[in-house]
Protein backbone atom coordinates (compact mmCIF):
# COMPACT_ATOMS: atom_id res chain seq x y z
CA MET A 1 -22.08 -15.33 2.57
CA ASN A 2 -20.13 -18.35 1.31
CA ALA A 3 -22.24 -18.38 -1.85
CA ILE A 4 -21.45 -14.73 -2.40
CA LEU A 5 -17.71 -15.14 -1.91
CA ILE A 6 -17.20 -18.31 -3.98
CA ALA A 7 -15.04 -17.47 -7.01
CA PRO A 8 -11.55 -18.37 -8.18
CA TRP A 9 -8.97 -16.68 -5.93
CA THR A 10 -7.23 -15.28 -9.00
CA GLN A 11 -10.26 -13.07 -9.70
CA TYR A 12 -10.04 -11.55 -6.22
CA TRP A 13 -6.29 -11.13 -6.73
CA ASN A 14 -6.92 -9.24 -10.00
CA LEU A 15 -9.45 -7.09 -8.17
CA THR A 16 -6.67 -5.68 -5.96
CA LYS A 17 -4.55 -4.23 -8.81
CA PRO A 18 -1.48 -6.10 -7.49
CA LYS A 19 1.14 -4.08 -9.40
CA VAL A 20 -0.21 -0.84 -7.94
CA VAL A 21 -0.43 -2.33 -4.44
CA PHE A 22 3.14 -3.59 -4.72
CA LEU A 23 4.37 -0.05 -5.52
CA ILE A 24 2.32 1.33 -2.62
CA VAL A 25 3.74 -1.21 -0.16
CA PHE A 26 7.27 -0.59 -1.46
CA THR A 27 7.03 3.18 -0.93
CA ALA A 28 5.50 2.59 2.51
CA LEU A 29 8.46 0.32 3.33
CA VAL A 30 10.87 3.04 2.23
CA GLY A 31 9.09 5.48 4.54
CA MET A 32 9.50 3.01 7.41
CA LEU A 33 13.17 2.39 6.77
CA LEU A 34 14.01 6.08 6.35
CA ALA A 35 12.27 6.87 9.64
CA ALA A 36 14.44 4.41 11.57
CA ASP A 37 18.11 4.70 12.49
CA GLY A 38 18.18 1.05 13.43
CA ALA A 39 16.17 -2.12 13.10
CA ILE A 40 12.39 -1.83 12.87
CA PRO A 41 10.43 -4.07 15.26
CA LEU A 42 9.18 -7.04 13.24
CA ASP A 43 5.59 -6.61 14.41
CA ILE A 44 5.52 -2.99 13.20
CA LEU A 45 7.13 -4.02 9.91
CA PHE A 46 4.77 -6.92 9.26
CA PHE A 47 1.48 -5.51 10.50
CA GLY A 48 2.23 -2.01 9.19
CA LEU A 49 2.93 -3.14 5.64
CA THR A 50 0.14 -5.72 5.68
CA GLY A 51 -2.42 -3.23 7.00
CA ILE A 52 -1.43 -0.55 4.48
CA GLY A 53 -1.40 -3.13 1.68
CA LEU A 54 -4.84 -4.46 2.59
CA ALA A 55 -6.28 -0.94 2.69
CA ALA A 56 -4.76 -0.18 -0.71
CA ALA A 57 -6.17 -3.42 -2.12
CA SER A 58 -9.57 -2.51 -0.67
CA GLY A 59 -9.49 0.86 -2.40
CA ALA A 60 -8.58 -0.82 -5.68
CA ALA A 61 -11.49 -3.26 -5.34
CA ILE A 62 -13.96 -0.46 -4.58
CA ASN A 63 -12.62 1.35 -7.64
CA HIS A 64 -13.51 -1.74 -9.70
CA VAL A 65 -17.06 -1.71 -8.30
CA VAL A 66 -17.67 1.99 -8.92
CA ASP A 67 -16.04 2.01 -12.37
CA GLN A 68 -17.36 -1.30 -13.73
CA HIS A 69 -19.48 0.37 -16.42
CA ILE A 70 -16.59 2.62 -17.45
CA ASP A 71 -14.19 -0.32 -17.43
CA ALA A 72 -16.48 -2.23 -19.79
CA VAL A 73 -16.07 0.33 -22.58
CA MET A 74 -12.32 0.91 -22.25
CA GLU A 75 -9.84 -1.37 -24.00
CA ARG A 76 -7.36 -1.16 -21.12
CA THR A 77 -9.87 -2.28 -18.49
CA LYS A 78 -12.53 -4.39 -20.20
CA GLY A 79 -10.80 -7.60 -19.11
CA ARG A 80 -11.18 -6.81 -15.41
CA PRO A 81 -13.19 -9.25 -13.22
CA LEU A 82 -16.46 -7.28 -13.11
CA PRO A 83 -16.84 -6.35 -16.81
CA THR A 84 -16.09 -9.95 -17.80
CA GLY A 85 -18.61 -11.31 -15.30
CA ASN A 86 -16.00 -13.37 -13.44
CA LEU A 87 -17.08 -11.57 -10.26
CA ASN A 88 -20.32 -9.79 -9.45
CA GLN A 89 -20.76 -6.51 -7.62
CA ALA A 90 -21.75 -8.14 -4.31
CA GLN A 91 -18.67 -10.38 -4.31
CA ALA A 92 -16.33 -7.50 -5.08
CA LEU A 93 -17.88 -5.12 -2.54
CA LEU A 94 -17.93 -7.67 0.28
CA PHE A 95 -14.32 -8.57 -0.45
CA ALA A 96 -13.31 -4.88 -0.47
CA ILE A 97 -15.05 -4.09 2.82
CA THR A 98 -13.64 -7.20 4.50
CA ILE A 99 -9.99 -6.64 3.62
CA GLY A 100 -10.26 -2.88 4.20
CA ALA A 101 -11.69 -3.34 7.69
CA LEU A 102 -9.10 -6.03 8.45
CA GLY A 103 -6.27 -3.75 7.37
CA ILE A 104 -7.47 -0.78 9.44
CA MET A 105 -8.09 -2.94 12.53
CA MET A 106 -4.62 -4.44 12.14
CA LEU A 107 -3.08 -0.97 12.16
CA VAL A 108 -5.09 0.08 15.22
CA ALA A 109 -4.26 -3.07 17.18
CA PHE A 110 -0.61 -3.61 16.28
CA VAL A 111 0.83 -0.32 14.92
CA ASN A 112 -0.71 2.98 16.09
CA VAL A 113 -3.93 4.93 15.82
CA LEU A 114 -2.40 7.78 13.80
CA THR A 115 -1.32 5.44 11.01
CA ALA A 116 -4.72 3.75 11.05
CA VAL A 117 -6.55 7.09 10.79
CA LEU A 118 -4.33 8.39 7.98
CA THR A 119 -4.68 5.09 6.12
CA PHE A 120 -8.45 5.21 6.49
CA PHE A 121 -8.58 8.75 5.11
CA SER A 122 -6.35 7.68 2.20
CA LEU A 123 -8.72 4.80 1.47
CA VAL A 124 -11.74 7.09 1.57
CA GLY A 125 -9.92 9.70 -0.50
CA TYR A 126 -9.12 7.27 -3.30
CA ALA A 127 -12.11 4.93 -3.29
CA LEU A 128 -14.84 7.49 -2.66
CA ILE A 129 -13.74 11.11 -3.16
CA TYR A 130 -11.53 10.48 -6.22
CA THR A 131 -13.29 7.51 -7.83
CA MET A 132 -16.89 8.55 -7.18
CA TYR A 133 -16.61 12.32 -7.53
CA LEU A 134 -13.36 13.92 -8.72
CA LYS A 135 -12.72 11.48 -11.56
CA ARG A 136 -16.03 12.45 -13.14
CA ALA A 137 -16.12 16.11 -12.12
CA THR A 138 -12.92 17.86 -13.20
CA PRO A 139 -9.92 17.46 -15.54
CA GLN A 140 -7.78 18.18 -12.46
CA ASN A 141 -9.05 14.92 -10.98
CA ILE A 142 -5.66 13.21 -10.84
CA VAL A 143 -4.05 16.28 -9.24
CA LEU A 144 -6.68 16.70 -6.54
CA GLY A 145 -7.02 12.97 -6.00
CA GLY A 146 -3.27 12.41 -6.00
CA ALA A 147 -3.02 12.99 -2.25
CA ALA A 148 -4.40 9.52 -1.54
CA GLY A 149 -1.85 7.86 -3.80
CA ALA A 150 0.99 9.93 -2.33
CA ALA A 151 0.28 8.87 1.26
CA PRO A 152 2.08 5.46 1.54
CA PRO A 153 5.59 6.70 2.50
CA LEU A 154 3.99 9.04 5.02
CA LEU A 155 2.02 6.09 6.42
CA GLY A 156 5.17 4.01 6.65
CA TRP A 157 6.93 6.83 8.47
CA THR A 158 4.14 7.31 11.03
CA ALA A 159 3.97 3.55 11.59
CA VAL A 160 7.53 3.71 12.96
CA THR A 161 7.60 7.13 14.64
CA GLY A 162 3.97 7.68 15.60
CA GLN A 163 4.10 11.25 14.29
CA VAL A 164 4.07 13.30 11.10
CA GLU A 165 7.45 14.91 10.41
CA THR A 166 8.88 17.19 7.75
CA GLU A 167 10.81 14.42 6.01
CA ALA A 168 7.67 12.30 5.72
CA LEU A 169 5.75 15.20 4.20
CA LEU A 170 8.55 15.66 1.67
CA LEU A 171 8.23 12.02 0.58
CA PHE A 172 4.49 12.65 0.23
CA LEU A 173 5.17 15.76 -1.86
CA ILE A 174 7.48 13.91 -4.26
CA ILE A 175 4.81 11.33 -5.13
CA PHE A 176 2.09 13.98 -5.21
CA ILE A 177 3.95 15.94 -7.90
CA TRP A 178 5.05 12.76 -9.72
CA THR A 179 1.45 11.56 -10.14
CA PRO A 180 0.16 14.03 -12.80
CA PRO A 181 2.95 13.55 -15.38
CA HIS A 182 2.85 9.82 -14.71
CA PHE A 183 -0.89 9.46 -15.26
CA TRP A 184 -1.37 12.11 -17.95
CA ALA A 185 1.12 10.29 -20.16
CA LEU A 186 -1.18 7.26 -20.01
CA ALA A 187 -4.23 9.49 -20.48
CA ILE A 188 -2.79 10.80 -23.78
CA ARG A 189 -2.51 7.24 -25.07
CA ARG A 190 -6.03 6.42 -23.87
CA LYS A 191 -7.62 9.74 -24.78
CA ASP A 192 -10.27 8.29 -27.11
CA GLU A 193 -11.26 5.66 -24.55
CA TYR A 194 -11.69 8.26 -21.81
CA ALA A 195 -13.75 10.37 -24.20
CA LYS A 196 -15.95 7.37 -25.00
CA ALA A 197 -16.42 6.70 -21.27
CA GLU A 198 -17.19 10.42 -20.71
CA ILE A 199 -14.38 10.85 -18.19
CA PRO A 200 -13.00 14.43 -18.27
CA MET A 201 -9.31 13.60 -18.32
CA LEU A 202 -7.10 16.54 -19.27
CA PRO A 203 -6.33 15.37 -22.85
CA VAL A 204 -10.07 15.05 -23.47
CA THR A 205 -11.09 18.45 -22.09
CA HIS A 206 -8.05 20.58 -22.98
CA GLY A 207 -6.39 18.66 -25.78
CA VAL A 208 -3.17 16.68 -26.11
CA ASN A 209 -0.91 19.69 -26.71
CA PHE A 210 -2.01 21.39 -23.50
CA THR A 211 -1.53 18.13 -21.61
CA LYS A 212 1.99 17.73 -22.97
CA ILE A 213 2.87 21.20 -21.68
CA GLN A 214 1.50 20.31 -18.25
CA ILE A 215 3.52 17.09 -18.19
CA LEU A 216 6.69 19.03 -18.97
CA LEU A 217 5.98 21.69 -16.33
CA TYR A 218 5.23 19.12 -13.64
CA THR A 219 8.36 17.18 -14.57
CA ILE A 220 10.48 20.31 -14.14
CA LEU A 221 8.81 20.95 -10.77
CA LEU A 222 9.42 17.33 -9.79
CA PHE A 223 13.11 17.65 -10.66
CA ILE A 224 13.38 20.67 -8.35
CA VAL A 225 11.45 19.08 -5.48
CA THR A 226 13.55 15.90 -5.58
CA LEU A 227 16.64 17.99 -4.82
CA ILE A 228 15.17 19.15 -1.48
CA PRO A 229 16.10 15.98 0.49
CA PHE A 230 19.76 16.78 -0.24
CA LEU A 231 19.35 20.49 0.48
CA ILE A 232 17.84 19.86 3.94
CA GLN A 233 20.44 17.15 4.63
CA MET A 234 17.86 14.41 4.76
CA SER A 235 19.95 12.59 2.14
CA GLY A 236 23.49 12.79 0.80
CA VAL A 237 25.44 12.63 -2.44
CA ILE A 238 24.37 9.07 -3.36
CA TYR A 239 20.75 10.16 -3.46
CA LEU A 240 21.63 13.45 -5.14
CA ALA A 241 23.44 11.69 -7.99
CA GLY A 242 20.52 9.31 -8.44
CA ALA A 243 17.89 12.05 -8.31
CA ILE A 244 19.71 14.18 -10.90
CA SER A 245 20.32 11.23 -13.24
CA LEU A 246 16.74 9.99 -13.01
CA GLY A 247 15.38 13.52 -13.28
CA ILE A 248 17.32 14.16 -16.47
CA GLY A 249 15.87 10.94 -17.86
CA PHE A 250 12.33 12.02 -16.99
CA LEU A 251 12.93 15.45 -18.52
CA TYR A 252 14.24 13.76 -21.67
CA TYR A 253 10.98 11.83 -22.08
CA ALA A 254 8.82 14.85 -21.20
CA ILE A 255 10.60 17.05 -23.76
CA LYS A 256 10.47 14.31 -26.38
CA LEU A 257 6.75 13.87 -25.72
CA TYR A 258 6.21 17.64 -25.95
CA ARG A 259 7.92 17.78 -29.36
CA ASP A 260 6.37 14.64 -30.83
CA LYS A 261 3.54 15.29 -33.30
CA THR A 262 2.22 11.73 -32.93
CA PRO A 263 2.66 11.23 -29.18
CA ASN A 264 0.95 7.90 -28.47
CA ARG A 265 4.07 5.74 -28.67
CA ILE A 266 6.31 8.08 -26.68
CA ALA A 267 3.47 8.67 -24.20
CA MET A 268 3.54 5.02 -23.19
CA LYS A 269 7.32 5.07 -22.95
CA THR A 270 7.04 8.12 -20.70
CA PHE A 271 4.45 6.31 -18.58
CA GLY A 272 6.69 3.26 -18.30
CA TYR A 273 9.74 5.34 -17.41
CA SER A 274 7.78 7.19 -14.72
CA ILE A 275 7.21 3.92 -12.84
CA PHE A 276 10.88 2.96 -13.20
CA TYR A 277 11.80 6.49 -12.08
CA LEU A 278 9.80 6.44 -8.84
CA SER A 279 10.93 2.94 -7.87
CA LEU A 280 14.60 3.74 -8.42
CA LEU A 281 14.37 7.18 -6.83
CA PHE A 282 13.11 5.62 -3.61
CA GLY A 283 15.79 2.95 -3.98
CA PHE A 284 18.42 5.71 -4.02
CA LEU A 285 16.86 7.19 -0.88
CA LEU A 286 17.34 3.85 0.85
CA ALA A 287 20.86 3.29 -0.46
CA ASP A 288 21.92 6.74 0.69
CA HIS A 289 20.27 6.30 4.09
CA TYR A 290 22.06 3.05 4.87
CA ALA A 291 25.37 4.28 3.46
CA ARG A 292 25.23 7.25 5.82
CA LEU A 293 24.33 5.02 8.77
CA PHE A 294 27.26 2.74 7.93
CA PHE A 295 29.81 5.56 7.70
CA ARG A 296 28.42 7.14 10.86
CA ALA A 297 28.89 3.86 12.72
CA VAL A 298 32.38 3.23 11.35
CA PHE A 299 33.81 6.74 11.49
């Protein structure tokens, strides 16, 4: 086993898609904090985030194993550890199974069974159902597979409360609807690479113009859905102002992308803004939550 695992730690780190895992852990943390009216027990905070993060990293590593031949022909991914030969399939798979099992066991032992079960299904949904089947089977792959990526705030919520509640499902819904316009913007830029790898992404199967329309429609739907936390009094005016401002920004990029005849450059700007958008939107959720707790305590 030691011979199998020996490799520079940086290669295993790259295997986990750290930027993606960071965003997952951040949204899970937001779910935790929104679920609590006071301090979160440190053991729940630490083991919950670590377990969810390890499971996400495991899914990313399995994705590398399954997609290594695809990654080798795509410019964006050909520098990953498996296509370059810096890690072999056995090393990557053993690493993925180890950290995935550790993460799930951590959630069972120190958080709660519900969070562990939901995290396990999210891992299976991304690493197996999406990566092994949906990604290669349908241009709606990112829509159908988006449930796994939308789960982290729900997982954070259940880690604190031990139950699935309406507010947690709304956080899930926001990321679920955010995922298609986020990823399809990148898919427009990488259309030729996906075609070469024979992956039926929407721009490949239905064309760039159709994809741009879908991005705009999903962005409009996202704008509407992000107003719901205010409408159900889950959040207040701080969040509302942030959601409207960020939503207008996303609509600006989606409309600009829709109108652009040579969309590659604006597609990447839209993709970049979508990451900024989600991070700041969840930041506004937190700011509003703690502002309301403060005023409730003072007044």
